[in-house]
Protein backbone atom coordinates (compact mmCIF):
# COMPACT_ATOMS: atom_id res chain seq x y z
CA MET A 1 117.20 97.03 110.15
CA ASP A 2 116.17 93.80 110.74
CA LEU A 3 113.32 92.43 108.53
CA THR A 4 112.92 89.38 110.42
CA TRP A 5 109.26 88.94 111.54
CA SER A 6 108.31 88.73 115.15
CA ASP A 7 106.71 86.04 116.85
CA GLU A 8 103.63 88.40 116.78
CA GLN A 9 104.33 88.92 113.43
CA GLU A 10 104.65 85.10 112.43
CA MET A 11 101.53 84.49 114.45
CA LEU A 12 99.37 86.64 112.43
CA ALA A 13 100.60 85.24 108.93
CA ASP A 14 100.00 81.97 110.22
CA ALA A 15 96.48 82.94 111.52
CA ALA A 16 95.44 84.98 108.22
CA ALA A 17 96.44 82.16 105.90
CA ALA A 18 94.59 79.90 107.64
CA PHE A 19 91.47 82.30 107.72
CA VAL A 20 91.93 82.47 103.86
CA ARG A 21 92.30 78.98 103.25
CA ARG A 22 89.25 78.00 105.26
CA GLU A 23 86.94 81.38 104.57
CA CYS A 24 87.99 82.17 101.09
CA PRO A 25 88.74 79.47 98.69
CA PRO A 26 89.00 80.21 94.83
CA GLU A 27 85.17 79.39 94.24
CA ARG A 28 84.04 81.77 97.00
CA VAL A 29 86.13 84.70 95.44
CA ARG A 30 84.56 84.01 92.01
CA ALA A 31 81.24 84.08 93.58
CA ILE A 32 81.95 87.36 95.52
CA GLU A 33 83.05 88.91 92.43
CA ALA A 34 80.02 87.72 90.21
CA SER A 35 77.83 89.50 92.80
CA ASP A 36 75.96 92.50 92.72
CA GLY A 37 78.30 95.25 94.75
CA GLY A 38 81.14 92.60 94.98
CA HIS A 39 80.88 92.85 98.85
CA ASP A 40 80.45 90.15 100.89
CA GLN A 41 78.84 91.15 104.52
CA PRO A 42 79.43 88.18 106.58
CA LEU A 43 83.37 87.67 105.04
CA TRP A 44 83.90 91.28 106.53
CA ASP A 45 82.19 90.52 109.77
CA ALA A 46 84.37 87.46 110.21
CA MET A 47 87.68 89.62 109.66
CA ALA A 48 86.18 92.32 111.90
CA GLU A 49 85.99 89.79 114.70
CA LEU A 50 89.29 88.77 114.48
CA GLY A 51 90.20 92.43 115.02
CA TRP A 52 91.86 93.32 111.65
CA CYS A 53 90.11 96.55 110.70
CA GLY A 54 91.97 98.01 114.01
CA LEU A 55 95.16 96.32 113.68
CA ALA A 56 97.19 99.49 112.99
CA LEU A 57 94.98 102.02 115.00
CA PRO A 58 95.28 103.22 118.52
CA VAL A 59 94.39 101.29 121.29
CA GLU A 60 92.56 103.80 122.76
CA HIS A 61 90.30 103.84 119.98
CA GLY A 62 89.74 100.34 119.83
CA GLY A 63 92.71 98.93 117.68
CA SER A 64 95.45 96.92 118.55
CA GLY A 65 98.13 99.68 118.54
CA ARG A 66 100.03 97.95 115.69
CA GLY A 67 101.54 99.74 112.61
CA VAL A 68 101.86 99.74 108.66
CA LEU A 69 104.34 96.25 108.93
CA GLU A 70 101.41 94.59 110.80
CA VAL A 71 99.17 95.80 108.04
CA THR A 72 101.61 94.84 105.41
CA VAL A 73 101.95 91.16 106.87
CA LEU A 74 98.23 90.74 106.73
CA ALA A 75 98.06 92.20 102.96
CA GLU A 76 100.45 89.61 101.61
CA GLN A 77 98.44 86.57 103.16
CA LEU A 78 94.92 88.08 101.73
CA GLY A 79 96.63 88.74 98.30
CA ARG A 80 97.66 85.12 98.51
CA GLY A 81 93.82 84.25 98.57
CA ALA A 82 92.92 87.04 95.86
CA VAL A 83 90.43 87.72 98.95
CA PRO A 84 87.87 90.73 97.44
CA SER A 85 87.71 92.97 100.73
CA PRO A 86 87.61 96.87 101.50
CA LEU A 87 89.78 95.81 104.51
CA LEU A 88 92.83 97.15 103.32
CA ASP A 89 91.79 100.32 101.56
CA SER A 90 89.94 101.11 104.43
CA THR A 91 92.43 101.06 106.77
CA ALA A 92 95.30 102.56 104.31
CA LEU A 93 93.14 104.91 102.60
CA ALA A 94 91.03 106.65 105.43
CA ALA A 95 91.34 105.08 108.99
CA LEU A 96 95.24 105.62 109.26
CA PRO A 97 95.33 109.11 107.90
CA ILE A 98 92.09 110.11 110.41
CA ALA A 99 94.51 108.30 113.32
CA TRP A 100 97.61 110.45 111.80
CA ALA A 101 96.41 113.92 111.22
CA GLY A 102 92.69 113.95 112.15
CA SER A 103 91.88 116.27 115.47
CA ASP A 104 90.92 114.72 118.59
CA ALA A 105 87.48 115.30 117.60
CA GLN A 106 87.40 113.55 114.74
CA ARG A 107 89.35 110.41 116.08
CA ALA A 108 86.88 109.91 118.69
CA ARG A 109 83.91 110.22 116.24
CA LEU A 110 85.53 108.08 113.54
CA LEU A 111 87.85 105.61 114.80
CA PRO A 112 86.32 103.10 117.20
CA ALA A 113 83.30 102.61 114.59
CA LEU A 114 86.18 102.00 111.64
CA ALA A 115 88.49 99.79 114.20
CA ALA A 116 85.27 97.76 114.84
CA GLY A 117 84.46 97.19 111.07
CA ARG A 118 81.13 99.05 111.90
CA SER A 119 82.04 101.42 109.08
CA ILE A 120 84.25 101.31 105.86
CA GLY A 121 86.47 104.16 104.99
CA THR A 122 87.77 105.34 101.59
CA LEU A 123 89.50 107.91 99.59
CA ALA A 124 88.74 109.77 96.69
CA VAL A 125 91.80 111.09 94.57
CA LEU A 126 91.92 110.92 90.67
CA GLU A 127 89.64 113.56 88.42
CA PRO A 128 88.62 113.64 84.90
CA GLY A 129 91.28 115.54 82.83
CA MET A 130 93.46 115.58 86.26
CA THR A 131 96.52 117.47 85.62
CA ASP A 132 98.17 118.49 89.14
CA ALA A 133 98.79 115.89 91.59
CA TRP A 134 95.44 116.07 93.62
CA GLY A 135 93.03 117.98 91.60
CA ASP A 136 90.68 120.76 91.56
CA VAL A 137 87.43 119.93 93.52
CA SER A 138 85.60 123.04 94.71
CA VAL A 139 85.47 123.58 98.72
CA PRO A 140 84.12 127.04 99.28
CA GLY A 141 84.84 127.94 102.97
CA GLY A 142 86.06 124.60 103.52
CA THR A 143 82.41 123.30 104.49
CA ARG A 144 80.83 122.21 100.98
CA ILE A 145 82.70 120.38 98.38
CA SER A 146 81.70 119.81 94.57
CA GLY A 147 83.13 118.15 91.98
CA GLN A 148 83.74 114.51 90.67
CA LYS A 149 86.40 111.95 91.39
CA LEU A 150 87.20 108.71 89.65
CA LEU A 151 88.21 104.85 90.29
CA VAL A 152 87.26 105.30 94.19
CA PRO A 153 87.20 102.16 95.55
CA TRP A 154 84.27 101.00 97.66
CA ALA A 155 82.21 104.14 97.57
CA HIS A 156 79.12 102.52 97.32
CA VAL A 157 79.89 100.58 100.70
CA ALA A 158 81.56 103.47 102.38
CA ASP A 159 80.82 105.26 105.71
CA VAL A 160 83.49 107.64 105.63
CA LEU A 161 84.87 109.28 102.36
CA LEU A 162 88.28 111.50 102.65
CA VAL A 163 88.30 113.55 99.01
CA ALA A 164 91.95 114.76 98.18
CA SER A 165 92.36 118.52 96.99
CA SER A 166 95.27 120.80 96.11
CA SER A 167 94.96 122.09 99.75
CA GLY A 168 94.69 118.94 101.84
CA LEU A 169 92.45 116.25 102.64
CA TYR A 170 88.73 116.69 103.32
CA LEU A 171 86.28 114.67 105.02
CA LEU A 172 82.46 113.27 104.49
CA GLU A 173 80.18 111.21 106.33
CA ALA A 174 77.93 109.19 105.02
CA ALA A 175 75.45 109.62 107.99
CA ARG A 176 75.56 113.83 107.46
CA THR A 177 75.85 114.17 103.81
CA ALA A 178 75.31 112.04 100.05
CA TRP A 179 77.06 111.47 97.09
CA ASP A 180 76.65 109.96 94.05
CA SER A 181 78.37 107.00 93.14
CA VAL A 182 78.71 104.96 89.32
CA SER A 183 80.24 101.80 89.08
CA HIS A 184 83.20 101.56 86.78
CA ASP A 185 84.44 98.29 84.86
CA ALA A 186 87.04 96.85 87.22
CA PHE A 187 89.64 94.65 86.00
CA ALA A 188 90.23 92.63 88.82
CA GLY A 189 87.00 92.06 90.32
CA GLU A 190 86.81 94.61 93.11
CA PRO A 191 84.54 97.73 92.85
CA LEU A 192 85.59 100.97 91.41
CA PHE A 193 83.32 104.12 90.97
CA ALA A 194 83.18 107.39 89.87
CA VAL A 195 81.97 109.63 92.82
CA THR A 196 79.93 112.98 92.20
CA LEU A 197 79.87 115.59 94.79
CA LEU A 198 77.28 118.25 94.58
CA ASP A 199 77.55 121.08 97.35
CA ALA A 200 78.08 118.19 99.88
CA CYS A 201 78.79 118.76 103.66
CA THR A 202 82.45 118.35 104.48
CA GLU A 203 85.11 119.41 106.96
CA PRO A 204 88.91 119.63 106.39
CA LEU A 205 90.78 116.51 108.07
CA GLY A 206 92.59 118.11 111.14
CA SER A 207 92.33 120.92 113.26
CA PRO A 208 92.34 124.44 112.21
CA GLU A 209 96.03 124.81 113.84
CA ARG A 210 97.33 121.47 111.71
CA PRO A 211 95.31 120.88 108.86
CA ALA A 212 95.85 117.71 106.93
CA GLY A 213 97.70 119.43 103.79
CA PRO A 214 99.48 117.37 100.97
CA GLU A 215 102.15 116.24 102.69
CA THR A 216 99.41 113.85 104.39
CA THR A 217 98.13 113.11 100.91
CA HIS A 218 101.55 111.73 100.25
CA ARG A 219 102.18 109.74 103.15
CA VAL A 220 98.30 108.08 102.76
CA LEU A 221 99.37 107.22 98.82
CA ASP A 222 102.75 105.88 99.82
CA THR A 223 101.36 103.44 102.33
CA ALA A 224 98.76 102.41 100.47
CA ALA A 225 101.16 101.88 97.55
CA VAL A 226 103.34 99.19 100.14
CA VAL A 227 100.11 97.66 101.44
CA ARG A 228 98.97 97.32 97.84
CA LEU A 229 102.35 95.85 96.92
CA ALA A 230 102.66 93.30 99.83
CA TYR A 231 98.97 92.06 98.54
CA ALA A 232 100.56 91.44 95.14
CA VAL A 233 103.50 89.62 96.53
CA GLY A 234 100.93 87.14 97.93
CA ALA A 235 99.23 86.93 94.63
CA ALA A 236 102.60 86.25 93.12
CA GLU A 237 103.34 83.52 95.92
CA ALA A 238 99.81 81.99 94.49
CA CYS A 239 101.29 82.20 91.02
CA LEU A 240 104.44 80.19 91.64
CA ASP A 241 102.70 77.81 93.87
CA LEU A 242 100.11 77.10 90.92
CA ALA A 243 102.94 77.15 88.51
CA VAL A 244 104.74 74.34 90.90
CA ARG A 245 101.95 72.23 91.51
CA HIS A 246 101.50 72.20 87.72
CA ALA A 247 104.86 71.17 86.67
CA SER A 248 104.56 68.72 89.25
CA GLN A 249 101.68 66.91 87.96
CA ARG A 250 101.83 67.74 84.16
CA VAL A 251 103.56 64.52 82.27
CA GLN A 252 105.56 65.07 78.88
CA PHE A 253 107.78 62.57 77.37
CA GLY A 254 107.50 59.92 80.25
CA ARG A 255 108.25 62.59 83.16
CA PRO A 256 106.93 65.58 84.91
CA ILE A 257 107.80 68.28 82.91
CA GLY A 258 109.47 70.23 86.01
CA THR A 259 112.17 67.84 85.51
CA PHE A 260 113.06 69.51 82.57
CA GLN A 261 115.61 72.45 83.15
CA ALA A 262 113.94 75.11 81.17
CA VAL A 263 110.80 74.74 83.10
CA ALA A 264 112.57 74.61 86.29
CA HIS A 265 114.74 77.67 86.03
CA ARG A 266 111.48 79.73 85.26
CA CYS A 267 109.89 78.67 88.79
CA VAL A 268 113.64 79.59 90.15
CA ASP A 269 113.56 83.13 88.48
CA MET A 270 109.78 83.63 90.12
CA ARG A 271 111.07 82.67 93.50
CA VAL A 272 114.00 85.16 93.09
CA GLU A 273 111.46 87.80 91.73
CA ILE A 274 109.14 87.22 94.88
CA ASP A 275 111.61 87.53 97.47
CA ALA A 276 113.11 90.32 96.25
CA CYS A 277 109.88 92.43 96.07
CA ARG A 278 108.61 91.40 99.47
CA TYR A 279 112.11 92.28 100.70
CA LEU A 280 111.53 96.08 99.29
CA ALA A 281 108.06 95.97 100.56
CA PHE A 282 108.83 95.05 103.89
CA GLN A 283 111.79 97.93 103.83
CA ALA A 284 109.49 100.42 102.66
CA ALA A 285 107.03 99.64 105.19
CA TRP A 286 109.49 99.88 107.98
CA SER A 287 110.44 103.28 106.85
CA LEU A 288 107.20 104.51 106.70
CA GLU A 289 106.31 103.32 110.19
CA ARG A 290 109.41 105.49 111.52
CA GLU A 291 108.41 108.39 109.45
CA ASP A 292 112.07 107.82 108.11
CA ARG A 293 112.88 110.76 105.60
CA ALA A 294 113.90 108.54 102.96
CA ALA A 295 110.65 106.45 103.49
CA PRO A 296 109.43 108.27 99.89
CA LEU A 297 112.57 106.78 98.16
CA GLU A 298 112.06 103.70 99.46
CA VAL A 299 108.47 103.16 98.45
CA THR A 300 109.66 104.59 94.89
CA ALA A 301 112.30 101.72 94.77
CA ALA A 302 110.12 99.23 95.86
CA LEU A 303 107.48 100.07 93.15
CA THR A 304 110.25 100.35 90.83
CA TYR A 305 111.58 97.08 91.02
CA ALA A 306 108.10 95.52 91.38
CA ARG A 307 106.79 97.32 87.72
CA GLY A 308 109.07 94.34 86.14
CA ALA A 309 109.26 92.00 88.31
CA LEU A 310 105.58 91.08 89.15
CA ARG A 311 104.70 91.01 85.25
CA ARG A 312 107.66 88.44 84.89
CA VAL A 313 106.26 86.47 87.61
CA PHE A 314 102.64 86.03 86.00
CA LEU A 315 104.25 85.65 82.55
CA ASP A 316 106.27 82.78 83.56
CA ALA A 317 103.60 81.19 85.66
CA HIS A 318 101.29 81.49 82.56
CA GLN A 319 104.28 80.10 80.41
CA VAL A 320 104.78 76.96 82.68
CA HIS A 321 100.84 76.59 82.64
CA GLY A 322 100.85 76.53 78.70
CA ALA A 323 97.25 76.43 76.95
CA SER A 324 95.38 75.73 80.67
CA GLY A 325 96.76 79.04 81.90
CA PHE A 326 94.94 80.99 79.36
CA SER A 327 91.62 79.85 80.40
CA THR A 328 89.63 82.26 82.57
CA GLU A 329 88.27 78.96 84.24
CA SER A 330 92.25 78.74 85.71
CA ASP A 331 92.33 79.86 89.43
CA LEU A 332 95.76 81.62 87.93
CA HIS A 333 93.38 84.17 86.17
CA LEU A 334 92.54 85.37 90.19
CA PHE A 335 95.65 86.21 90.53
CA THR A 336 97.15 87.56 87.54
CA ARG A 337 94.35 90.10 87.15
CA ARG A 338 95.03 91.51 90.64
CA LEU A 339 98.74 92.02 89.44
CA THR A 340 97.89 93.55 86.35
CA GLU A 341 95.73 96.00 88.72
CA PHE A 342 98.70 96.58 90.73
CA GLU A 343 100.87 97.44 88.15
CA ILE A 344 98.69 99.89 86.37
CA THR A 345 97.53 101.54 89.63
CA PHE A 346 100.78 101.98 91.63
CA ALA A 347 103.48 100.89 89.25
CA SER A 348 102.95 102.22 85.80
CA SER A 349 104.20 105.55 86.19
CA ARG A 350 107.57 106.96 84.79
CA ARG A 351 107.55 109.21 88.15
CA HIS A 352 109.32 106.45 89.96
CA PRO A 353 112.17 105.70 88.11
CA ASP A 354 112.44 109.33 87.41
CA LEU A 355 112.38 109.87 91.38
CA LEU A 356 115.19 107.25 91.82
CA ALA A 357 117.69 108.23 88.78
CA THR A 358 117.16 111.99 90.50
CA ALA A 359 118.52 110.64 94.13
CA MET A 360 121.17 108.77 92.30
CA GLY A 361 122.52 111.96 90.53
CA LEU A 362 121.63 110.58 87.31
CA SER A 363 119.36 113.46 85.74
């Protein structure tokens, strides 16, 4: 396994970094977060024009034919700018599952619009009081669906909605049916919704011979977790950049505070933690792309380590900044809120350490 980026991946990262610096500075991020709906259509159109919506989708359906690794490369650069966009969720939670498990007709009908950015997709998983893996929405006959899902990202702008149930994934299209969405208070500024389905028209994802079962849902959630981990790594890099800049500019006792070992060592520790998270994220992405049997364990290892490492990074960044880091006007808050959201969403469960312990024969 060689995790060194290819020339094309380096070019993608450089292009994405330049785009983020030019098109999405912190002032625009704040404006998008404060806007009604939290969705910036011109920013979305600009990313679609670059082909990012179809980066990992098949060429025959208008995509670029790349894979999860390239989406992970892109995600890190978007995280470095705290870019608020449905791009990653639409790709990982909707477009890729349709490409993997959709029927020929579903792929032909939905993927071209998703690849071109004319459509946005998302996935609904969580339910009130949910006790099993995917909830218990009612799907009588497989053509009508009723129930409620919580914390659904970008549901208010979604054209395609995948719904997870205990039997598999179901597909809804805004052009053919309707769903009600009520906004949640979102910690990191990206919109989340409660979605209510009342006898909505649906169809199983996949063909009758090969429906998308729970194993597809597992793969989707693992992929989304790795993509979001890469986004969090980018946010952590931004925290380190801000900390180093502050340490080099803030003068105490006649010299920059970065010259004191206590501050310098914190920055070095942040560098080590971020690099470890990055390598684990890309190793997991590599395994997912190859459909390796060990991929779920690689994802679990990455999330287990990131759970503590990224928290240490943003806490150290705040320590370096001192009182100024606790002001919400500080750019640091844009990134620490996203790191906290990642930890709560993907890395807070005891499931990941337990799975690792079982795999190592420790439980």
